[in-house]
Protein backbone atom coordinates (compact mmCIF):
# COMPACT_ATOMS: atom_id res chain seq x y z
CA UNK A 1 94.08 59.98 70.97
CA UNK A 2 97.69 60.94 71.64
CA UNK A 3 98.80 64.14 69.91
CA UNK A 4 100.46 66.48 72.44
CA UNK A 5 104.23 66.16 72.13
CA UNK A 6 106.09 69.18 73.44
CA UNK A 7 109.86 69.69 73.35
CA UNK A 8 111.71 66.58 74.50
CA UNK A 9 108.66 65.23 76.26
CA UNK A 10 106.83 62.67 74.11
CA UNK A 11 103.14 62.36 74.96
CA UNK A 12 102.97 58.62 74.33
CA UNK A 13 105.81 57.96 76.81
CA UNK A 14 103.97 59.86 79.52
CA UNK A 15 100.80 57.81 79.04
CA UNK A 16 102.48 54.39 78.84
CA UNK A 17 101.79 52.20 81.88
CA UNK A 18 99.77 54.98 83.53
CA UNK A 19 97.27 53.55 86.05
CA UNK A 20 94.09 55.42 86.93
CA UNK A 21 90.93 54.68 88.93
CA UNK A 22 87.35 54.81 87.68
CA UNK A 23 84.24 53.90 89.65
CA UNK A 24 81.95 51.20 88.33
CA UNK A 25 79.05 53.67 88.06
CA UNK A 26 81.16 55.92 85.81
CA UNK A 27 82.14 53.02 83.56
CA UNK A 28 78.53 52.02 83.05
CA UNK A 29 77.16 55.59 82.82
CA UNK A 30 75.02 54.86 85.85
CA UNK A 31 74.17 57.25 88.67
CA UNK A 32 73.04 54.44 90.96
CA UNK A 33 74.79 54.72 94.34
CA UNK A 34 74.84 50.97 94.97
CA UNK A 35 77.19 50.41 92.02
CA UNK A 36 79.62 53.20 92.86
CA UNK A 37 81.34 51.49 95.82
CA UNK A 38 83.69 49.53 93.55
CA UNK A 39 86.68 51.18 91.83
CA UNK A 40 88.42 49.69 88.82
CA UNK A 41 92.10 50.35 88.16
CA UNK A 42 92.80 50.68 84.45
CA UNK A 43 96.24 50.76 82.84
CA UNK A 44 96.89 52.76 79.67
CA UNK A 45 98.76 51.25 76.74
CA UNK A 46 99.69 53.30 73.69
CA UNK A 47 99.40 51.78 70.20
CA UNK A 48 100.37 54.35 67.59
CA UNK A 49 98.18 57.37 68.25
CA UNK A 50 95.51 55.44 70.18
CA UNK A 51 95.40 54.80 73.92
CA UNK A 52 93.84 51.52 75.04
CA UNK A 53 92.83 50.85 78.64
CA UNK A 54 93.09 47.37 80.15
CA UNK A 55 91.92 45.99 83.48
CA UNK A 56 94.62 46.36 86.15
CA UNK A 57 92.79 45.75 89.44
CA UNK A 58 89.76 46.42 91.58
CA UNK A 59 89.32 48.11 94.95
CA UNK A 60 86.60 49.29 97.33
CA UNK A 61 85.97 52.86 98.43
CA UNK A 62 86.80 53.69 102.05
CA UNK A 63 83.13 53.94 103.06
CA UNK A 64 82.58 50.32 102.02
CA UNK A 65 85.71 49.16 103.87
CA UNK A 66 84.24 50.50 107.11
CA UNK A 67 81.59 47.75 107.23
CA UNK A 68 84.20 45.42 108.72
CA UNK A 69 83.99 46.14 112.43
CA UNK A 70 85.31 44.86 115.70
CA UNK A 71 84.05 41.51 117.02
CA UNK A 72 84.05 39.98 113.55
CA UNK A 73 86.44 37.56 111.91
CA UNK A 74 88.13 38.72 108.73
CA UNK A 75 88.58 35.99 106.12
CA UNK A 76 90.90 37.06 103.29
CA UNK A 77 91.85 35.05 100.22
CA UNK A 78 94.31 36.04 97.50
CA UNK A 79 94.85 33.89 94.43
CA UNK A 80 97.74 34.19 91.96
CA UNK A 81 96.69 33.27 88.45
CA UNK A 82 97.52 35.35 85.38
CA UNK A 83 96.20 38.24 87.45
CA UNK A 84 95.75 38.47 91.20
CA UNK A 85 92.14 38.27 92.29
CA UNK A 86 91.39 38.96 95.93
CA UNK A 87 88.28 37.95 97.78
CA UNK A 88 87.70 39.09 101.34
CA UNK A 89 84.99 37.92 103.68
CA UNK A 90 83.91 38.68 107.21
CA UNK A 91 81.45 37.20 109.65
CA UNK A 92 78.27 38.98 110.71
CA UNK A 93 75.81 38.45 113.53
CA UNK A 94 72.42 37.08 112.65
CA UNK A 95 69.36 38.81 114.06
CA UNK A 96 68.58 35.93 116.45
CA UNK A 97 71.99 35.82 118.15
CA UNK A 98 72.43 37.32 121.61
CA UNK A 99 76.24 37.25 121.45
CA UNK A 100 78.30 40.38 121.03
CA UNK A 101 80.97 38.61 118.98
CA UNK A 102 80.67 36.67 115.77
CA UNK A 103 83.99 34.89 115.37
CA UNK A 104 84.76 31.87 113.21
CA UNK A 105 87.13 29.10 114.21
CA UNK A 106 90.49 28.84 112.48
CA UNK A 107 89.50 25.57 110.79
CA UNK A 108 86.38 27.25 109.37
CA UNK A 109 88.48 30.13 108.05
CA UNK A 110 90.87 27.70 106.35
CA UNK A 111 88.00 25.75 104.76
CA UNK A 112 86.38 28.94 103.49
CA UNK A 113 89.69 30.21 102.11
CA UNK A 114 90.26 26.89 100.32
CA UNK A 115 86.76 27.01 98.78
CA UNK A 116 87.18 30.64 97.68
CA UNK A 117 90.58 29.83 96.15
CA UNK A 118 89.23 26.93 94.09
CA UNK A 119 86.25 28.95 92.84
CA UNK A 120 88.37 31.96 91.85
CA UNK A 121 91.00 29.77 90.19
CA UNK A 122 88.40 27.78 88.26
CA UNK A 123 86.60 30.89 87.00
CA UNK A 124 89.66 32.95 86.14
CA UNK A 125 91.86 30.32 84.50
CA UNK A 126 89.11 29.06 82.21
CA UNK A 127 88.39 32.48 80.68
CA UNK A 128 90.21 35.43 79.16
CA UNK A 129 90.55 38.89 80.73
CA UNK A 130 87.45 40.32 79.07
CA UNK A 131 85.28 37.50 80.42
CA UNK A 132 86.83 37.87 83.90
CA UNK A 133 85.92 41.57 84.01
CA UNK A 134 82.39 40.71 82.87
CA UNK A 135 82.18 38.19 85.74
CA UNK A 136 83.39 40.78 88.26
CA UNK A 137 80.81 43.40 87.29
CA UNK A 138 77.66 41.55 88.45
CA UNK A 139 79.47 39.77 91.36
CA UNK A 140 78.88 36.28 89.96
CA UNK A 141 82.14 34.97 91.50
CA UNK A 142 81.21 36.43 94.89
CA UNK A 143 77.72 34.92 94.79
CA UNK A 144 79.10 31.49 93.92
CA UNK A 145 81.73 31.74 96.69
CA UNK A 146 79.10 32.83 99.22
CA UNK A 147 76.85 29.93 98.28
CA UNK A 148 79.69 27.40 98.65
CA UNK A 149 80.99 28.76 101.97
CA UNK A 150 77.56 28.83 103.66
CA UNK A 151 77.97 25.21 104.77
CA UNK A 152 81.11 26.03 106.78
CA UNK A 153 80.04 29.29 108.39
CA UNK A 154 76.52 30.52 107.71
CA UNK A 155 77.01 34.22 108.44
CA UNK A 156 79.84 35.10 106.06
CA UNK A 157 79.74 38.17 103.81
CA UNK A 158 82.12 38.18 100.83
CA UNK A 159 83.46 41.15 98.89
CA UNK A 160 85.50 40.92 95.72
CA UNK A 161 88.18 43.46 94.88
């Protein structure tokens, strides 16, 4: 509710296009630590005296970004549809491997990026923004991308933000 106008400063103008971050656990009133690693960026839009918040982006907290380490290949995919959806993946060692490194070949990275791009484009263009946010919450796009990229490189972990 917008009601604090003071002097020449109009409260609705201050709130317009204001972007703020909220963790997923706060949005769902959940204290579970496994859901708090994802931050949603929301943008405020003022309609009369009401403020509505729309999806503006998604990010990971810095603790979760630290799981990408040396000796791994980073596989990043960014897709421009009505909104930009980014999917990032990295390789991990399996428990059987004796090698220090776990790098993917450039052709494998390109194939995985192509598969991730088609999956993200198919899911996002066929639905509206509310459905896209509902797909991002339980990681359904990430699970589908992980399943499809397993044939190219078996030890690939995907994160969506």
